[in-house]
N, C-alpha and C. Protein backbone atom coordinates (compact mmCIF):
# COMPACT_ATOMS: atom_id res chain seq x y z
N MET A 1 59.04 24.61 33.54
CA MET A 1 59.65 25.24 34.68
C MET A 1 60.89 24.44 35.06
N ALA A 2 61.99 25.11 35.20
CA ALA A 2 63.25 24.45 35.54
C ALA A 2 63.31 24.14 37.02
N PRO A 3 63.93 23.02 37.37
CA PRO A 3 64.04 22.68 38.79
C PRO A 3 64.97 23.63 39.52
N ILE A 4 64.70 23.81 40.80
CA ILE A 4 65.52 24.67 41.65
C ILE A 4 66.67 23.82 42.18
N LEU A 5 67.87 24.29 42.02
CA LEU A 5 69.04 23.53 42.43
C LEU A 5 69.64 24.13 43.69
N ALA A 6 70.19 23.27 44.54
CA ALA A 6 70.88 23.72 45.75
C ALA A 6 72.38 23.56 45.51
N TYR A 7 73.13 24.58 45.87
CA TYR A 7 74.57 24.56 45.68
C TYR A 7 75.28 24.62 47.02
N GLY A 8 76.36 23.88 47.10
CA GLY A 8 77.17 23.87 48.32
C GLY A 8 78.36 24.80 48.19
N ARG A 9 79.36 24.61 49.04
CA ARG A 9 80.57 25.44 49.00
C ARG A 9 81.33 25.18 47.71
N GLY A 10 81.86 26.19 47.16
CA GLY A 10 82.63 26.08 45.93
C GLY A 10 81.76 25.91 44.69
N GLY A 11 80.45 26.10 44.83
CA GLY A 11 79.57 26.03 43.68
C GLY A 11 79.22 24.63 43.23
N THR A 12 79.48 23.62 44.06
CA THR A 12 79.13 22.26 43.67
C THR A 12 77.64 22.01 43.86
N ARG A 13 77.06 21.35 42.90
CA ARG A 13 75.62 21.08 42.95
C ARG A 13 75.36 19.94 43.92
N LEU A 14 74.44 20.16 44.87
CA LEU A 14 74.14 19.16 45.88
C LEU A 14 72.97 18.27 45.46
N ARG A 15 71.84 18.87 45.19
CA ARG A 15 70.65 18.09 44.86
C ARG A 15 69.61 18.97 44.20
N THR A 16 68.63 18.31 43.63
CA THR A 16 67.52 19.01 43.02
C THR A 16 66.41 19.14 44.04
N LEU A 17 65.90 20.34 44.22
CA LEU A 17 64.82 20.57 45.17
C LEU A 17 63.45 20.25 44.59
N ASP A 18 63.35 20.23 43.30
CA ASP A 18 62.08 19.98 42.64
C ASP A 18 62.32 18.99 41.50
N ALA A 19 61.46 18.02 41.39
CA ALA A 19 61.58 17.06 40.29
C ALA A 19 61.27 17.77 38.99
N PRO A 20 61.98 17.45 37.93
CA PRO A 20 61.72 18.12 36.65
C PRO A 20 60.27 17.91 36.21
N GLY A 21 59.58 18.99 36.01
CA GLY A 21 58.19 18.93 35.57
C GLY A 21 57.21 18.57 36.66
N GLY A 22 57.68 18.36 37.88
CA GLY A 22 56.80 17.98 38.98
C GLY A 22 56.58 19.13 39.93
N ALA A 23 55.72 18.90 40.89
CA ALA A 23 55.41 19.92 41.88
C ALA A 23 56.32 19.76 43.09
N CYS A 24 56.57 20.86 43.76
CA CYS A 24 57.39 20.85 44.98
C CYS A 24 56.45 21.15 46.15
N TYR A 25 56.30 20.19 47.06
CA TYR A 25 55.40 20.36 48.19
C TYR A 25 56.20 20.52 49.47
N SER A 26 55.71 21.38 50.35
CA SER A 26 56.37 21.59 51.62
C SER A 26 55.75 20.73 52.73
N TRP A 27 54.81 19.88 52.39
CA TRP A 27 54.18 18.99 53.35
C TRP A 27 54.08 17.60 52.74
N LEU A 28 53.77 16.64 53.56
CA LEU A 28 53.67 15.27 53.11
C LEU A 28 52.39 15.10 52.29
N VAL A 29 52.53 14.58 51.10
CA VAL A 29 51.40 14.35 50.23
C VAL A 29 51.17 12.84 50.18
N THR A 30 49.99 12.42 50.60
CA THR A 30 49.70 10.99 50.60
C THR A 30 49.27 10.56 49.21
N THR A 31 49.79 9.43 48.79
CA THR A 31 49.40 8.87 47.51
C THR A 31 48.65 7.56 47.70
N ALA A 32 48.19 7.32 48.91
CA ALA A 32 47.47 6.08 49.20
C ALA A 32 46.10 6.10 48.54
N SER A 33 45.71 4.97 48.05
CA SER A 33 44.41 4.81 47.42
C SER A 33 43.42 4.26 48.44
N PRO A 34 42.15 4.64 48.34
CA PRO A 34 41.17 4.06 49.26
C PRO A 34 40.97 2.56 49.03
N TYR A 35 41.49 2.06 47.93
CA TYR A 35 41.33 0.64 47.60
C TYR A 35 42.50 -0.20 48.10
N ASP A 36 43.47 0.42 48.78
CA ASP A 36 44.61 -0.32 49.30
C ASP A 36 44.25 -1.16 50.52
N SER A 37 43.23 -0.77 51.24
CA SER A 37 42.83 -1.51 52.44
C SER A 37 41.35 -1.88 52.36
N ILE A 38 41.06 -2.91 51.62
CA ILE A 38 39.69 -3.39 51.47
C ILE A 38 39.47 -4.51 52.48
N ARG A 39 38.34 -4.47 53.16
CA ARG A 39 38.03 -5.47 54.18
C ARG A 39 37.86 -6.86 53.55
N PRO A 40 38.32 -7.90 54.23
CA PRO A 40 38.17 -9.27 53.70
C PRO A 40 36.72 -9.69 53.49
N GLU A 41 35.80 -9.15 54.29
CA GLU A 41 34.38 -9.48 54.10
C GLU A 41 33.88 -8.96 52.76
N ASP A 42 34.33 -7.75 52.39
CA ASP A 42 33.93 -7.19 51.09
C ASP A 42 34.46 -8.04 49.94
N VAL A 43 35.68 -8.54 50.11
CA VAL A 43 36.27 -9.37 49.06
C VAL A 43 35.47 -10.67 48.90
N GLU A 44 35.15 -11.32 50.01
CA GLU A 44 34.43 -12.59 49.94
C GLU A 44 33.03 -12.43 49.36
N ARG A 45 32.35 -11.35 49.74
CA ARG A 45 30.99 -11.14 49.26
C ARG A 45 30.93 -10.60 47.84
N GLY A 46 32.04 -10.05 47.34
CA GLY A 46 31.97 -9.36 46.06
C GLY A 46 32.71 -9.99 44.90
N ARG A 47 33.19 -11.20 45.05
CA ARG A 47 34.00 -11.81 43.98
C ARG A 47 33.23 -11.97 42.68
N LEU A 48 32.00 -12.45 42.74
CA LEU A 48 31.23 -12.70 41.53
C LEU A 48 30.90 -11.40 40.80
N LEU A 49 30.37 -10.43 41.53
CA LEU A 49 30.03 -9.14 40.89
C LEU A 49 31.28 -8.42 40.39
N ALA A 50 32.39 -8.58 41.09
CA ALA A 50 33.63 -7.95 40.64
C ALA A 50 34.11 -8.58 39.34
N ALA A 51 33.98 -9.89 39.21
CA ALA A 51 34.40 -10.55 37.97
C ALA A 51 33.47 -10.20 36.81
N VAL A 52 32.18 -10.09 37.08
CA VAL A 52 31.21 -9.75 36.04
C VAL A 52 31.39 -8.31 35.57
N ALA A 53 31.94 -7.46 36.42
CA ALA A 53 32.09 -6.04 36.08
C ALA A 53 33.01 -5.80 34.89
N TYR A 54 33.83 -6.76 34.52
CA TYR A 54 34.74 -6.59 33.39
C TYR A 54 34.13 -6.99 32.06
N LEU A 55 32.99 -7.63 32.08
CA LEU A 55 32.35 -7.99 30.83
C LEU A 55 31.75 -6.73 30.21
N PRO A 56 31.85 -6.58 28.90
CA PRO A 56 31.46 -5.31 28.25
C PRO A 56 30.04 -4.87 28.61
N GLY A 57 29.93 -3.68 29.15
CA GLY A 57 28.66 -3.08 29.47
C GLY A 57 28.08 -3.48 30.81
N LEU A 58 28.64 -4.46 31.49
CA LEU A 58 28.09 -4.92 32.76
C LEU A 58 28.78 -4.30 33.97
N CYS A 59 29.59 -3.29 33.74
CA CYS A 59 30.31 -2.65 34.85
C CYS A 59 29.34 -1.93 35.79
N PHE A 60 28.20 -1.50 35.28
CA PHE A 60 27.24 -0.78 36.11
C PHE A 60 26.48 -1.71 37.03
N LEU A 61 26.47 -2.98 36.72
CA LEU A 61 25.77 -3.97 37.54
C LEU A 61 26.35 -4.02 38.95
N GLY A 62 27.67 -3.99 39.05
CA GLY A 62 28.32 -4.02 40.36
C GLY A 62 28.07 -2.75 41.16
N LEU A 63 28.09 -1.62 40.49
CA LEU A 63 27.86 -0.36 41.19
C LEU A 63 26.43 -0.24 41.68
N LEU A 64 25.48 -0.77 40.93
CA LEU A 64 24.08 -0.71 41.34
C LEU A 64 23.74 -1.81 42.34
N GLY A 65 24.42 -2.96 42.23
CA GLY A 65 24.11 -4.10 43.09
C GLY A 65 24.63 -3.95 44.50
N ALA A 66 25.82 -3.41 44.66
CA ALA A 66 26.43 -3.26 45.99
C ALA A 66 27.28 -1.99 46.02
N PRO A 67 26.65 -0.83 46.13
CA PRO A 67 27.42 0.42 46.07
C PRO A 67 28.34 0.64 47.26
N GLU A 68 28.10 -0.03 48.39
CA GLU A 68 28.92 0.19 49.57
C GLU A 68 30.14 -0.72 49.62
N ASN A 69 30.22 -1.71 48.73
CA ASN A 69 31.33 -2.67 48.72
C ASN A 69 32.51 -2.08 47.96
N ALA A 70 33.62 -1.84 48.64
CA ALA A 70 34.79 -1.20 48.02
C ALA A 70 35.46 -2.12 47.00
N PHE A 71 35.43 -3.42 47.23
CA PHE A 71 36.04 -4.36 46.30
C PHE A 71 35.31 -4.37 44.96
N ILE A 72 34.00 -4.41 45.03
CA ILE A 72 33.20 -4.36 43.80
C ILE A 72 33.35 -3.00 43.13
N GLY A 73 33.40 -1.94 43.92
CA GLY A 73 33.57 -0.59 43.36
C GLY A 73 34.86 -0.44 42.60
N PHE A 74 35.94 -0.99 43.14
CA PHE A 74 37.24 -0.91 42.46
C PHE A 74 37.17 -1.60 41.10
N HIS A 75 36.66 -2.82 41.07
CA HIS A 75 36.61 -3.57 39.82
C HIS A 75 35.56 -3.01 38.86
N ALA A 76 34.46 -2.48 39.37
CA ALA A 76 33.46 -1.87 38.50
C ALA A 76 34.02 -0.62 37.83
N ARG A 77 34.80 0.15 38.55
CA ARG A 77 35.40 1.35 37.96
C ARG A 77 36.44 0.97 36.91
N GLN A 78 37.24 -0.03 37.20
CA GLN A 78 38.20 -0.50 36.19
C GLN A 78 37.48 -1.09 34.99
N GLY A 79 36.39 -1.81 35.23
CA GLY A 79 35.59 -2.34 34.14
C GLY A 79 34.98 -1.24 33.30
N PHE A 80 34.57 -0.15 33.95
CA PHE A 80 34.04 0.99 33.21
C PHE A 80 35.11 1.62 32.32
N LEU A 81 36.32 1.76 32.84
CA LEU A 81 37.40 2.31 32.03
C LEU A 81 37.72 1.41 30.84
N LEU A 82 37.71 0.11 31.06
CA LEU A 82 37.95 -0.83 29.96
C LEU A 82 36.82 -0.75 28.94
N PHE A 83 35.59 -0.62 29.41
CA PHE A 83 34.45 -0.47 28.51
C PHE A 83 34.55 0.84 27.70
N ALA A 84 34.99 1.91 28.34
CA ALA A 84 35.16 3.19 27.63
C ALA A 84 36.22 3.06 26.54
N VAL A 85 37.29 2.34 26.82
CA VAL A 85 38.32 2.11 25.81
C VAL A 85 37.75 1.29 24.65
N GLU A 86 36.94 0.29 24.96
CA GLU A 86 36.33 -0.53 23.92
C GLU A 86 35.41 0.30 23.03
N VAL A 87 34.61 1.17 23.63
CA VAL A 87 33.72 2.03 22.84
C VAL A 87 34.53 2.98 21.96
N ALA A 88 35.60 3.55 22.52
CA ALA A 88 36.46 4.44 21.72
C ALA A 88 37.10 3.69 20.56
N LEU A 89 37.49 2.45 20.78
CA LEU A 89 38.08 1.65 19.70
C LEU A 89 37.06 1.33 18.62
N VAL A 90 35.82 1.05 19.00
CA VAL A 90 34.78 0.80 18.01
C VAL A 90 34.56 2.04 17.14
N VAL A 91 34.51 3.20 17.78
CA VAL A 91 34.33 4.45 17.02
C VAL A 91 35.53 4.68 16.10
N PHE A 92 36.74 4.46 16.62
CA PHE A 92 37.94 4.64 15.80
C PHE A 92 37.93 3.71 14.59
N PHE A 93 37.60 2.44 14.81
CA PHE A 93 37.62 1.48 13.70
C PHE A 93 36.50 1.74 12.70
N CYS A 94 35.38 2.28 13.14
CA CYS A 94 34.32 2.67 12.20
C CYS A 94 34.79 3.82 11.32
N ILE A 95 35.46 4.79 11.92
CA ILE A 95 36.00 5.91 11.13
C ILE A 95 37.08 5.41 10.19
N TYR A 96 37.93 4.51 10.66
CA TYR A 96 38.98 3.95 9.80
C TYR A 96 38.37 3.20 8.61
N ASP A 97 37.36 2.37 8.88
CA ASP A 97 36.74 1.61 7.80
C ASP A 97 36.09 2.51 6.77
N GLY A 98 35.55 3.64 7.19
CA GLY A 98 34.90 4.56 6.27
C GLY A 98 35.86 5.44 5.49
N THR A 99 37.08 5.56 5.96
CA THR A 99 38.04 6.44 5.27
C THR A 99 39.21 5.62 4.70
N LEU A 100 40.20 5.36 5.50
CA LEU A 100 41.40 4.67 5.01
C LEU A 100 41.15 3.20 4.69
N GLY A 101 40.13 2.63 5.27
CA GLY A 101 39.81 1.23 4.99
C GLY A 101 39.30 1.00 3.58
N ARG A 102 38.97 2.06 2.88
CA ARG A 102 38.47 1.94 1.51
C ARG A 102 39.58 1.92 0.46
N ILE A 103 40.82 2.10 0.88
CA ILE A 103 41.93 2.00 -0.06
C ILE A 103 42.02 0.55 -0.52
N PRO A 104 42.01 0.31 -1.81
CA PRO A 104 41.99 -1.08 -2.30
C PRO A 104 43.18 -1.90 -1.79
N TYR A 105 42.89 -3.10 -1.35
CA TYR A 105 43.83 -4.11 -0.89
C TYR A 105 44.56 -3.74 0.40
N VAL A 106 45.22 -2.59 0.43
CA VAL A 106 46.05 -2.22 1.58
C VAL A 106 45.19 -1.82 2.78
N GLY A 107 44.17 -1.01 2.58
CA GLY A 107 43.34 -0.52 3.66
C GLY A 107 42.66 -1.63 4.45
N PRO A 108 41.94 -2.52 3.77
CA PRO A 108 41.31 -3.61 4.53
C PRO A 108 42.32 -4.56 5.19
N PHE A 109 43.42 -4.84 4.53
CA PHE A 109 44.41 -5.74 5.10
C PHE A 109 44.99 -5.19 6.39
N ILE A 110 45.39 -3.92 6.36
CA ILE A 110 45.92 -3.28 7.56
C ILE A 110 44.84 -3.24 8.65
N GLY A 111 43.62 -2.93 8.24
CA GLY A 111 42.52 -2.89 9.20
C GLY A 111 42.28 -4.23 9.87
N TYR A 112 42.29 -5.31 9.09
CA TYR A 112 42.07 -6.64 9.65
C TYR A 112 43.17 -7.02 10.63
N VAL A 113 44.40 -6.76 10.25
CA VAL A 113 45.53 -7.13 11.12
C VAL A 113 45.48 -6.33 12.42
N VAL A 114 45.28 -5.03 12.32
CA VAL A 114 45.26 -4.18 13.51
C VAL A 114 44.07 -4.53 14.40
N LYS A 115 42.91 -4.75 13.80
CA LYS A 115 41.73 -5.13 14.59
C LYS A 115 41.95 -6.45 15.30
N PHE A 116 42.54 -7.41 14.61
CA PHE A 116 42.80 -8.71 15.24
C PHE A 116 43.71 -8.54 16.45
N LEU A 117 44.78 -7.78 16.29
CA LEU A 117 45.73 -7.59 17.39
C LEU A 117 45.10 -6.83 18.56
N VAL A 118 44.37 -5.79 18.25
CA VAL A 118 43.76 -4.96 19.29
C VAL A 118 42.69 -5.73 20.05
N TRP A 119 41.77 -6.38 19.33
CA TRP A 119 40.68 -7.08 20.00
C TRP A 119 41.17 -8.32 20.74
N THR A 120 42.23 -8.96 20.24
CA THR A 120 42.80 -10.08 20.97
C THR A 120 43.43 -9.60 22.28
N SER A 121 44.12 -8.48 22.23
CA SER A 121 44.71 -7.95 23.46
C SER A 121 43.64 -7.50 24.45
N ILE A 122 42.55 -6.93 23.97
CA ILE A 122 41.44 -6.55 24.85
C ILE A 122 40.81 -7.80 25.48
N LEU A 123 40.67 -8.86 24.69
CA LEU A 123 40.11 -10.11 25.22
C LEU A 123 41.02 -10.71 26.29
N LEU A 124 42.32 -10.71 26.06
CA LEU A 124 43.26 -11.23 27.04
C LEU A 124 43.27 -10.38 28.31
N LEU A 125 43.20 -9.07 28.15
CA LEU A 125 43.15 -8.17 29.30
C LEU A 125 41.88 -8.39 30.12
N THR A 126 40.76 -8.59 29.44
CA THR A 126 39.50 -8.86 30.12
C THR A 126 39.56 -10.19 30.87
N ALA A 127 40.11 -11.22 30.23
CA ALA A 127 40.22 -12.53 30.89
C ALA A 127 41.14 -12.44 32.11
N PHE A 128 42.23 -11.70 31.99
CA PHE A 128 43.14 -11.50 33.12
C PHE A 128 42.44 -10.81 34.27
N ALA A 129 41.67 -9.76 33.97
CA ALA A 129 40.98 -9.00 35.01
C ALA A 129 39.89 -9.83 35.67
N VAL A 130 39.15 -10.61 34.90
CA VAL A 130 38.11 -11.47 35.47
C VAL A 130 38.72 -12.50 36.40
N ALA A 131 39.84 -13.09 35.99
CA ALA A 131 40.51 -14.09 36.83
C ALA A 131 41.01 -13.47 38.13
N LYS A 132 41.60 -12.29 38.06
CA LYS A 132 42.09 -11.63 39.27
C LYS A 132 40.94 -11.25 40.20
N ALA A 133 39.84 -10.76 39.65
CA ALA A 133 38.69 -10.40 40.48
C ALA A 133 38.07 -11.63 41.12
N ALA A 134 38.00 -12.73 40.38
CA ALA A 134 37.43 -13.96 40.93
C ALA A 134 38.32 -14.55 42.03
N ASN A 135 39.62 -14.28 41.97
CA ASN A 135 40.54 -14.74 43.01
C ASN A 135 40.58 -13.82 44.21
N GLY A 136 39.91 -12.69 44.14
CA GLY A 136 39.87 -11.76 45.27
C GLY A 136 41.04 -10.80 45.33
N GLU A 137 41.67 -10.54 44.20
CA GLU A 137 42.82 -9.62 44.16
C GLU A 137 42.41 -8.29 43.55
N THR A 138 43.06 -7.22 43.98
CA THR A 138 42.81 -5.89 43.43
C THR A 138 44.02 -5.46 42.60
N THR A 139 44.22 -6.12 41.50
CA THR A 139 45.32 -5.81 40.60
C THR A 139 44.89 -4.71 39.64
N ARG A 140 45.73 -3.72 39.51
CA ARG A 140 45.43 -2.61 38.60
C ARG A 140 45.83 -3.00 37.18
N LEU A 141 44.95 -2.70 36.23
CA LEU A 141 45.24 -2.98 34.84
C LEU A 141 46.29 -2.01 34.32
N PRO A 142 47.15 -2.45 33.40
CA PRO A 142 48.16 -1.53 32.86
C PRO A 142 47.50 -0.33 32.18
N TYR A 143 48.01 0.84 32.44
CA TYR A 143 47.57 2.13 31.89
C TYR A 143 46.20 2.57 32.40
N LEU A 144 45.28 1.66 32.68
CA LEU A 144 43.94 2.03 33.12
C LEU A 144 43.83 2.09 34.64
N GLY A 145 44.58 1.25 35.33
CA GLY A 145 44.48 1.16 36.77
C GLY A 145 44.88 2.41 37.51
N ASP A 146 45.70 3.25 36.89
CA ASP A 146 46.12 4.49 37.54
C ASP A 146 45.01 5.53 37.57
N HIS A 147 43.95 5.32 36.81
CA HIS A 147 42.89 6.32 36.70
C HIS A 147 41.60 5.89 37.38
N VAL A 148 41.65 4.85 38.20
CA VAL A 148 40.44 4.33 38.85
C VAL A 148 39.84 5.39 39.77
N GLU A 149 40.66 6.11 40.50
CA GLU A 149 40.15 7.11 41.44
C GLU A 149 39.51 8.29 40.73
N ARG A 150 39.74 8.47 39.46
CA ARG A 150 39.19 9.60 38.72
C ARG A 150 37.78 9.35 38.18
N VAL A 151 37.33 8.11 38.24
CA VAL A 151 35.98 7.79 37.76
C VAL A 151 34.99 8.47 38.70
N PRO A 152 34.05 9.27 38.17
CA PRO A 152 33.22 10.14 39.02
C PRO A 152 32.12 9.44 39.80
N PHE A 153 31.92 8.17 39.67
CA PHE A 153 30.84 7.52 40.43
C PHE A 153 31.38 6.40 41.26
């Protein structure tokens, strides 16, 4: 859909009324997250469970242990998204090893290099998230942090 343009006198273009590919709203749309204002008590009580939530598979521990704590909920949801990415990568690498990984010499070499880079970056991202949660910060992870509100639990 093409943006709607406003024209002034003499046919000069003034401004775009709609962002390209975006929606045009006639009212104020809030983009605030419920995690922008977390109480300091929740942060102090939830640092340990929030840090543990990033370890593979332990994201549910925080949600079951303190479901009313918003700080733990934020980190548990981000930990769940990171865990889902890890599971998807395991499935992808299993498929790769069974198909393209069987090409002599080239397949395993490319697989080893890519796996090393991917799992090292996942490890660094997990360590970064654990450190931020232990310090009491609600830092969003790159690419995953934008989808925290979409986690259904």
